[in-house]
Structures are given as structure tokens and as C-alpha cells.
């Protein structure tokens, strides 16, 4: 919802049109062949609706489709479009529960590899205090987090990447820079990432948040 509006605002002044770019149907088909399956209750029309809203600003079609796939549908019940990636706006921390939502979405795209249980968080922007706690694979964690107004602590994403390494998951988190205050978080094996990059031409890389997000 709000993220789509922010994407429109971000690119409304500097988009350029290229008549040789692929159509929406072509970009959608590319991602379907890469196994970006739509979640239950999500229709192709949900993706094309958001695409149409953004297309007038001349964003690169494959980049735009990838970002949209990481969003939720623009209607109730606001279902995530796919569990293959997540488009996250870093300006998202307002109160308790914000980091729970982040951790739940991170877990969602791992297809069961990283399950975070007993999630709790605390956010007090005025006091400059925030933390998130959880269990994963019977290990207990409590991470103190930096507070910078309503901006998420980017270090959290390096920490979850460290968990993927610790638990030796085949897939690792990936990062796509949208050029704005949001990014697309993915989760792929090296072979999957290579196929995605070749099919889309997008500069999707292994996530190393320091230097990318913060």
C-alpha cells in the first residue's frame, strides 16, 4: 500500500521510457519460469494493476516487476504476492511489533529454512531503545538494535544472513538495490541466483547489508 505510493513518488520525476523494453506479460512470464509463484488468492491482475500504476513513470520493466512481486496485493486481505522475495521500506519502525513483522517476513521467504518462534520486540524511539528476541532451531537470541528515528537497523539483515550461514542453509539472502529507501530481499542458492540474474539482467547480489543498507 504505502510502499507502492513511495515507489511512485520516488520515480515520478526521473523515469524514462524505452519502447524496446519487454511488456508486462513478458516480464511476468520470465519470473514465472524462475518459480516466482503467486500466493493463494493472488491473481496475475493484482500484479498488472500495480504495474500499470508505475509504468507511466518509465521504470525498467523487469526491475519494476521484481519490486512489485515483493509487495502485497492492493486490496484486502493484503496478501503477499509471492513468498520468493520481499520488498522492504527501511522507514518502517514506529512502535512495538515493527521488528516482529520484519522477522516474520524474513522467515516467510525462507520456505521453512529459518523459523523464528517466540518472537518479541521492544521499540521506544524517544528513549533510543529497541530489541528483538526469538528462538531458532532451539537456540535463543536477543538482539539489541540501533534506533534512528523510524529507520530500521540495517545490521539486522547481516545477522539473519549469519543465521543462514550458521545453520548451513543451501540458500542465502540476496539484495536488490531499487535506488530508493527500499530494497528487495530474496533467498536463493548460487545456481538459482545465477539463473535469475541471467534471465532478468538485474543486479541481484548476495546480501551483505553493511555497505548496501547501512
C-alpha atoms as a PDB file:
ATOM      1  CA  UNK A   1       0.000   0.000   0.000  1.00  0.00           C
ATOM      2  CA  UNK A   2       2.214   2.797   1.277  1.00  0.00           C
ATOM      3  CA  UNK A   3       5.298   1.301  -0.340  1.00  0.00           C
ATOM      4  CA  UNK A   4       3.755   1.370  -3.793  1.00  0.00           C
ATOM      5  CA  UNK A   5       2.929   5.034  -3.315  1.00  0.00           C
ATOM      6  CA  UNK A   6       6.506   5.739  -2.236  1.00  0.00           C
ATOM      7  CA  UNK A   7       7.829   3.989  -5.336  1.00  0.00           C
ATOM      8  CA  UNK A   8       5.612   6.198  -7.495  1.00  0.00           C
ATOM      9  CA  UNK A   9       6.789   9.310  -5.689  1.00  0.00           C
ATOM     10  CA  UNK A  10      10.437   8.296  -5.937  1.00  0.00           C
ATOM     11  CA  UNK A  11      10.483   7.742  -9.679  1.00  0.00           C
ATOM     12  CA  UNK A  12       7.788  10.138 -10.914  1.00  0.00           C
ATOM     13  CA  UNK A  13      10.326  12.829 -11.777  1.00  0.00           C
ATOM     14  CA  UNK A  14      13.138  10.874 -13.374  1.00  0.00           C
ATOM     15  CA  UNK A  15      11.665   7.903 -15.248  1.00  0.00           C
ATOM     16  CA  UNK A  16      12.478   7.460 -18.911  1.00  0.00           C
ATOM     17  CA  UNK A  17      10.561   5.463 -21.488  1.00  0.00           C
ATOM     18  CA  UNK A  18      12.225   2.855 -23.672  1.00  0.00           C
ATOM     19  CA  UNK A  19       9.999   1.471 -26.442  1.00  0.00           C
ATOM     20  CA  UNK A  20      12.228  -1.604 -26.785  1.00  0.00           C
ATOM     21  CA  UNK A  21      11.619  -2.766 -23.220  1.00  0.00           C
ATOM     22  CA  UNK A  22       9.676  -6.014 -22.613  1.00  0.00           C
ATOM     23  CA  UNK A  23       5.937  -5.898 -21.987  1.00  0.00           C
ATOM     24  CA  UNK A  24       4.396  -6.700 -18.628  1.00  0.00           C
ATOM     25  CA  UNK A  25       3.279 -10.130 -19.863  1.00  0.00           C
ATOM     26  CA  UNK A  26       6.822 -10.894 -20.948  1.00  0.00           C
ATOM     27  CA  UNK A  27       8.336  -9.847 -17.634  1.00  0.00           C
ATOM     28  CA  UNK A  28       5.691 -11.777 -15.705  1.00  0.00           C
ATOM     29  CA  UNK A  29       6.386 -14.914 -17.728  1.00  0.00           C
ATOM     30  CA  UNK A  30      10.119 -14.619 -17.079  1.00  0.00           C
ATOM     31  CA  UNK A  31       9.543 -14.591 -13.326  1.00  0.00           C
ATOM     32  CA  UNK A  32       7.065 -17.450 -13.575  1.00  0.00           C
ATOM     33  CA  UNK A  33       9.709 -19.591 -15.272  1.00  0.00           C
ATOM     34  CA  UNK A  34      12.005 -18.684 -12.354  1.00  0.00           C
ATOM     35  CA  UNK A  35       9.430 -20.102  -9.908  1.00  0.00           C
ATOM     36  CA  UNK A  36       8.080 -16.821  -8.546  1.00  0.00           C
ATOM     37  CA  UNK A  37       4.737 -18.462  -7.860  1.00  0.00           C
ATOM     38  CA  UNK A  38       1.805 -16.326  -6.759  1.00  0.00           C
ATOM     39  CA  UNK A  39       0.411 -16.994  -3.304  1.00  0.00           C
ATOM     40  CA  UNK A  40      -3.066 -18.434  -2.813  1.00  0.00           C
ATOM     41  CA  UNK A  41      -5.703 -15.834  -3.570  1.00  0.00           C
ATOM     42  CA  UNK A  42      -3.356 -13.667  -5.639  1.00  0.00           C
ATOM     43  CA  UNK A  43      -4.138 -13.151  -9.313  1.00  0.00           C
ATOM     44  CA  UNK A  44      -1.985 -12.003 -12.188  1.00  0.00           C
ATOM     45  CA  UNK A  45      -4.281  -8.989 -12.354  1.00  0.00           C
ATOM     46  CA  UNK A  46      -3.058  -7.929  -8.908  1.00  0.00           C
ATOM     47  CA  UNK A  47       0.457  -7.699 -10.292  1.00  0.00           C
ATOM     48  CA  UNK A  48      -0.606  -5.983 -13.512  1.00  0.00           C
ATOM     49  CA  UNK A  49      -2.646  -3.449 -11.524  1.00  0.00           C
ATOM     50  CA  UNK A  50       0.420  -2.291  -9.598  1.00  0.00           C
ATOM     51  CA  UNK A  51       2.495  -2.476 -12.778  1.00  0.00           C
ATOM     52  CA  UNK A  52       0.087  -0.175 -14.584  1.00  0.00           C
ATOM     53  CA  UNK A  53       0.284   2.354 -11.758  1.00  0.00           C
ATOM     54  CA  UNK A  54       4.061   2.506 -12.008  1.00  0.00           C
ATOM     55  CA  UNK A  55       4.578   2.032 -15.746  1.00  0.00           C
ATOM     56  CA  UNK A  56       3.725   5.619 -16.663  1.00  0.00           C
ATOM     57  CA  UNK A  57       6.931   6.705 -14.922  1.00  0.00           C
ATOM     58  CA  UNK A  58       9.163   4.709 -17.228  1.00  0.00           C
ATOM     59  CA  UNK A  59      10.773   2.359 -14.722  1.00  0.00           C
ATOM     60  CA  UNK A  60      12.748  -0.545 -16.215  1.00  0.00           C
ATOM     61  CA  UNK A  61      10.072  -3.249 -16.661  1.00  0.00           C
ATOM     62  CA  UNK A  62      11.939  -6.215 -15.165  1.00  0.00           C
ATOM     63  CA  UNK A  63      13.083  -4.172 -12.180  1.00  0.00           C
ATOM     64  CA  UNK A  64       9.544  -2.905 -11.672  1.00  0.00           C
ATOM     65  CA  UNK A  65       8.005  -6.377 -11.849  1.00  0.00           C
ATOM     66  CA  UNK A  66      10.573  -7.742  -9.400  1.00  0.00           C
ATOM     67  CA  UNK A  67       9.854  -4.975  -6.894  1.00  0.00           C
ATOM     68  CA  UNK A  68       6.100  -5.495  -7.246  1.00  0.00           C
ATOM     69  CA  UNK A  69       6.417  -9.243  -6.662  1.00  0.00           C
ATOM     70  CA  UNK A  70       7.837  -8.415  -3.243  1.00  0.00           C
ATOM     71  CA  UNK A  71       4.811  -6.330  -2.251  1.00  0.00           C
ATOM     72  CA  UNK A  72       1.318  -7.216  -1.051  1.00  0.00           C
ATOM     73  CA  UNK A  73      -1.811  -7.031  -3.188  1.00  0.00           C
ATOM     74  CA  UNK A  74      -3.570  -3.665  -3.242  1.00  0.00           C
ATOM     75  CA  UNK A  75      -6.767  -4.995  -1.663  1.00  0.00           C
ATOM     76  CA  UNK A  76      -7.843  -6.853   1.417  1.00  0.00           C
ATOM     77  CA  UNK A  77      -6.518  -9.065   2.903  1.00  0.00           C
ATOM     78  CA  UNK A  78      -3.235  -7.526   1.635  1.00  0.00           C
ATOM     79  CA  UNK A  79      -1.733 -10.932   0.854  1.00  0.00           C
ATOM     80  CA  UNK A  80       1.990 -11.031  -0.069  1.00  0.00           C
ATOM     81  CA  UNK A  81       2.150 -11.528  -3.828  1.00  0.00           C
ATOM     82  CA  UNK A  82       4.824 -14.219  -3.629  1.00  0.00           C
ATOM     83  CA  UNK A  83       6.950 -15.843  -0.933  1.00  0.00           C
ATOM     84  CA  UNK A  84      10.004 -15.723  -3.179  1.00  0.00           C
ATOM     85  CA  UNK A  85      11.041 -12.170  -2.290  1.00  0.00           C
ATOM     86  CA  UNK A  86      10.087  -9.221  -0.094  1.00  0.00           C
ATOM     87  CA  UNK A  87      10.265  -5.512  -0.908  1.00  0.00           C
ATOM     88  CA  UNK A  88      11.002  -3.669   2.321  1.00  0.00           C
ATOM     89  CA  UNK A  89      10.857   0.056   3.017  1.00  0.00           C
ATOM     90  CA  UNK A  90      13.511   0.821   5.642  1.00  0.00           C
ATOM     91  CA  UNK A  91      11.473   3.692   7.093  1.00  0.00           C
ATOM     92  CA  UNK A  92       9.188   1.274   8.939  1.00  0.00           C
ATOM     93  CA  UNK A  93       9.828   1.470  12.685  1.00  0.00           C
ATOM     94  CA  UNK A  94       7.075   3.218  14.599  1.00  0.00           C
ATOM     95  CA  UNK A  95       6.250   1.141  17.683  1.00  0.00           C
ATOM     96  CA  UNK A  96       6.324  -2.291  19.268  1.00  0.00           C
ATOM     97  CA  UNK A  97       5.679  -5.031  16.735  1.00  0.00           C
ATOM     98  CA  UNK A  98       7.662  -3.460  13.905  1.00  0.00           C
ATOM     99  CA  UNK A  99      10.585  -5.850  14.236  1.00  0.00           C
ATOM    100  CA  UNK A 100       8.268  -8.810  14.747  1.00  0.00           C
ATOM    101  CA  UNK A 101       6.743  -8.003  11.374  1.00  0.00           C
ATOM    102  CA  UNK A 102      10.192  -7.770   9.799  1.00  0.00           C
ATOM    103  CA  UNK A 103      11.315 -11.111  11.237  1.00  0.00           C
ATOM    104  CA  UNK A 104       8.086 -12.812  10.158  1.00  0.00           C
ATOM    105  CA  UNK A 105       8.547 -11.612   6.595  1.00  0.00           C
ATOM    106  CA  UNK A 106      12.185 -12.703   6.559  1.00  0.00           C
ATOM    107  CA  UNK A 107      11.139 -16.150   7.782  1.00  0.00           C
ATOM    108  CA  UNK A 108       8.312 -16.278   5.229  1.00  0.00           C
ATOM    109  CA  UNK A 109      10.626 -16.091   2.226  1.00  0.00           C
ATOM    110  CA  UNK A 110      12.937 -18.853   3.521  1.00  0.00           C
ATOM    111  CA  UNK A 111      10.301 -21.543   2.887  1.00  0.00           C
ATOM    112  CA  UNK A 112      10.791 -23.055   6.339  1.00  0.00           C
ATOM    113  CA  UNK A 113      14.595 -22.913   6.473  1.00  0.00           C
ATOM    114  CA  UNK A 114      14.608 -20.304   9.231  1.00  0.00           C
ATOM    115  CA  UNK A 115      11.610 -20.394  11.546  1.00  0.00           C
ATOM    116  CA  UNK A 116      11.568 -17.750  14.264  1.00  0.00           C
ATOM    117  CA  UNK A 117       9.469 -18.728  17.279  1.00  0.00           C
ATOM    118  CA  UNK A 118       8.509 -16.831  20.444  1.00  0.00           C
ATOM    119  CA  UNK A 119       9.078 -13.524  18.688  1.00  0.00           C
ATOM    120  CA  UNK A 120       9.053 -10.459  20.923  1.00  0.00           C
ATOM    121  CA  UNK A 121      10.287  -6.943  20.357  1.00  0.00           C
ATOM    122  CA  UNK A 122      10.529  -3.582  22.044  1.00  0.00           C
ATOM    123  CA  UNK A 123      10.655  -0.192  20.356  1.00  0.00           C
ATOM    124  CA  UNK A 124      10.935   3.147  22.152  1.00  0.00           C
ATOM    125  CA  UNK A 125      12.203   5.735  19.699  1.00  0.00           C
ATOM    126  CA  UNK A 126      12.230   8.582  22.213  1.00  0.00           C
ATOM    127  CA  UNK A 127      14.284   6.541  24.685  1.00  0.00           C
ATOM    128  CA  UNK A 128      16.546   5.266  21.909  1.00  0.00           C
ATOM    129  CA  UNK A 129      15.950   1.624  22.775  1.00  0.00           C
ATOM    130  CA  UNK A 130      14.915  -1.308  20.612  1.00  0.00           C
ATOM    131  CA  UNK A 131      15.434  -5.053  20.591  1.00  0.00           C
ATOM    132  CA  UNK A 132      14.021  -8.253  19.152  1.00  0.00           C
ATOM    133  CA  UNK A 133      14.137 -11.730  20.687  1.00  0.00           C
ATOM    134  CA  UNK A 134      13.244 -15.164  19.331  1.00  0.00           C
ATOM    135  CA  UNK A 135      14.228 -18.802  19.134  1.00  0.00           C
ATOM    136  CA  UNK A 136      15.503 -20.548  16.014  1.00  0.00           C
ATOM    137  CA  UNK A 137      16.462 -24.219  15.880  1.00  0.00           C
ATOM    138  CA  UNK A 138      16.178 -24.321  19.682  1.00  0.00           C
ATOM    139  CA  UNK A 139      18.717 -21.520  20.061  1.00  0.00           C
ATOM    140  CA  UNK A 140      17.628 -18.348  21.847  1.00  0.00           C
ATOM    141  CA  UNK A 141      18.546 -14.884  20.602  1.00  0.00           C
ATOM    142  CA  UNK A 142      18.074 -11.322  21.770  1.00  0.00           C
ATOM    143  CA  UNK A 143      19.429  -8.625  19.506  1.00  0.00           C
ATOM    144  CA  UNK A 144      19.794  -5.043  20.666  1.00  0.00           C
ATOM    145  CA  UNK A 145      19.035  -2.726  17.753  1.00  0.00           C
ATOM    146  CA  UNK A 146      20.110   0.773  16.823  1.00  0.00           C
ATOM    147  CA  UNK A 147      17.467   3.484  16.904  1.00  0.00           C
ATOM    148  CA  UNK A 148      17.449   6.167  14.217  1.00  0.00           C
ATOM    149  CA  UNK A 149      14.015   7.751  14.279  1.00  0.00           C
ATOM    150  CA  UNK A 150      11.729   5.445  12.260  1.00  0.00           C
ATOM    151  CA  UNK A 151      14.511   3.789  10.231  1.00  0.00           C
ATOM    152  CA  UNK A 152      15.117   0.064  10.652  1.00  0.00           C
ATOM    153  CA  UNK A 153      18.510  -1.108  11.851  1.00  0.00           C
ATOM    154  CA  UNK A 154      20.131  -2.490   8.693  1.00  0.00           C
ATOM    155  CA  UNK A 155      22.515  -4.579  10.781  1.00  0.00           C
ATOM    156  CA  UNK A 156      19.612  -6.942  11.485  1.00  0.00           C
ATOM    157  CA  UNK A 157      19.835  -8.237   7.909  1.00  0.00           C
ATOM    158  CA  UNK A 158      23.503  -9.151   8.293  1.00  0.00           C
ATOM    159  CA  UNK A 159      22.556 -11.005  11.451  1.00  0.00           C
ATOM    160  CA  UNK A 160      19.912 -13.108   9.702  1.00  0.00           C
ATOM    161  CA  UNK A 161      22.412 -13.803   6.909  1.00  0.00           C
ATOM    162  CA  UNK A 162      24.760 -15.047   9.643  1.00  0.00           C
ATOM    163  CA  UNK A 163      21.984 -17.365  10.826  1.00  0.00           C
ATOM    164  CA  UNK A 164      21.650 -18.808   7.322  1.00  0.00           C
ATOM    165  CA  UNK A 165      25.387 -19.496   7.376  1.00  0.00           C
ATOM    166  CA  UNK A 166      25.316 -20.884  10.926  1.00  0.00           C
ATOM    167  CA  UNK A 167      22.557 -23.348  10.112  1.00  0.00           C
ATOM    168  CA  UNK A 168      24.148 -24.183   6.755  1.00  0.00           C
ATOM    169  CA  UNK A 169      21.077 -23.496   4.645  1.00  0.00           C
ATOM    170  CA  UNK A 170      21.517 -24.133   0.919  1.00  0.00           C
ATOM    171  CA  UNK A 171      20.045 -20.751   0.111  1.00  0.00           C
ATOM    172  CA  UNK A 172      21.339 -17.387   1.272  1.00  0.00           C
ATOM    173  CA  UNK A 173      19.716 -13.958   1.375  1.00  0.00           C
ATOM    174  CA  UNK A 174      20.067 -11.704  -1.653  1.00  0.00           C
ATOM    175  CA  UNK A 175      19.802  -7.964  -2.108  1.00  0.00           C
ATOM    176  CA  UNK A 176      18.497  -5.789  -4.918  1.00  0.00           C
ATOM    177  CA  UNK A 177      19.024  -2.042  -4.772  1.00  0.00           C
ATOM    178  CA  UNK A 178      15.970  -0.190  -6.082  1.00  0.00           C
ATOM    179  CA  UNK A 179      17.675   3.184  -5.901  1.00  0.00           C
ATOM    180  CA  UNK A 180      15.331   4.358  -3.152  1.00  0.00           C
ATOM    181  CA  UNK A 181      14.842   3.805   0.554  1.00  0.00           C
ATOM    182  CA  UNK A 182      13.513   0.310  -0.045  1.00  0.00           C
ATOM    183  CA  UNK A 183      15.231  -2.839  -1.307  1.00  0.00           C
ATOM    184  CA  UNK A 184      14.180  -6.310  -2.408  1.00  0.00           C
ATOM    185  CA  UNK A 185      15.245  -9.173  -0.160  1.00  0.00           C
ATOM    186  CA  UNK A 186      15.479 -12.564  -1.837  1.00  0.00           C
ATOM    187  CA  UNK A 187      16.639 -16.025  -0.830  1.00  0.00           C
ATOM    188  CA  UNK A 188      18.404 -18.236  -3.363  1.00  0.00           C
ATOM    189  CA  UNK A 189      21.007 -20.899  -3.952  1.00  0.00           C
ATOM    190  CA  UNK A 190      24.030 -19.793  -6.014  1.00  0.00           C
ATOM    191  CA  UNK A 191      22.634 -21.629  -9.054  1.00  0.00           C
ATOM    192  CA  UNK A 192      19.190 -20.049  -8.625  1.00  0.00           C
ATOM    193  CA  UNK A 193      20.726 -16.600  -8.279  1.00  0.00           C
ATOM    194  CA  UNK A 194      22.784 -17.128 -11.429  1.00  0.00           C
ATOM    195  CA  UNK A 195      19.652 -18.109 -13.374  1.00  0.00           C
ATOM    196  CA  UNK A 196      17.702 -15.125 -12.054  1.00  0.00           C
ATOM    197  CA  UNK A 197      20.482 -12.706 -12.978  1.00  0.00           C
ATOM    198  CA  UNK A 198      20.867 -14.167 -16.476  1.00  0.00           C
ATOM    199  CA  UNK A 199      17.128 -14.219 -17.178  1.00  0.00           C
ATOM    200  CA  UNK A 200      16.393 -10.734 -15.874  1.00  0.00           C
ATOM    201  CA  UNK A 201      19.647  -8.819 -16.194  1.00  0.00           C
ATOM    202  CA  UNK A 202      19.030  -7.466 -12.697  1.00  0.00           C
ATOM    203  CA  UNK A 203      21.979  -6.800 -10.408  1.00  0.00           C
ATOM    204  CA  UNK A 204      20.759  -9.046  -7.593  1.00  0.00           C
ATOM    205  CA  UNK A 205      23.640  -9.903  -5.274  1.00  0.00           C
ATOM    206  CA  UNK A 206      24.324 -11.870  -2.114  1.00  0.00           C
ATOM    207  CA  UNK A 207      23.235  -9.729   0.807  1.00  0.00           C
ATOM    208  CA  UNK A 208      25.931  -8.059   2.853  1.00  0.00           C
ATOM    209  CA  UNK A 209      23.964  -5.283   4.456  1.00  0.00           C
ATOM    210  CA  UNK A 210      26.968  -3.273   5.589  1.00  0.00           C
ATOM    211  CA  UNK A 211      27.752  -1.216   2.525  1.00  0.00           C
ATOM    212  CA  UNK A 212      24.411  -1.985   0.940  1.00  0.00           C
ATOM    213  CA  UNK A 213      21.802  -0.953   3.506  1.00  0.00           C
ATOM    214  CA  UNK A 214      23.930   0.884   6.068  1.00  0.00           C
END
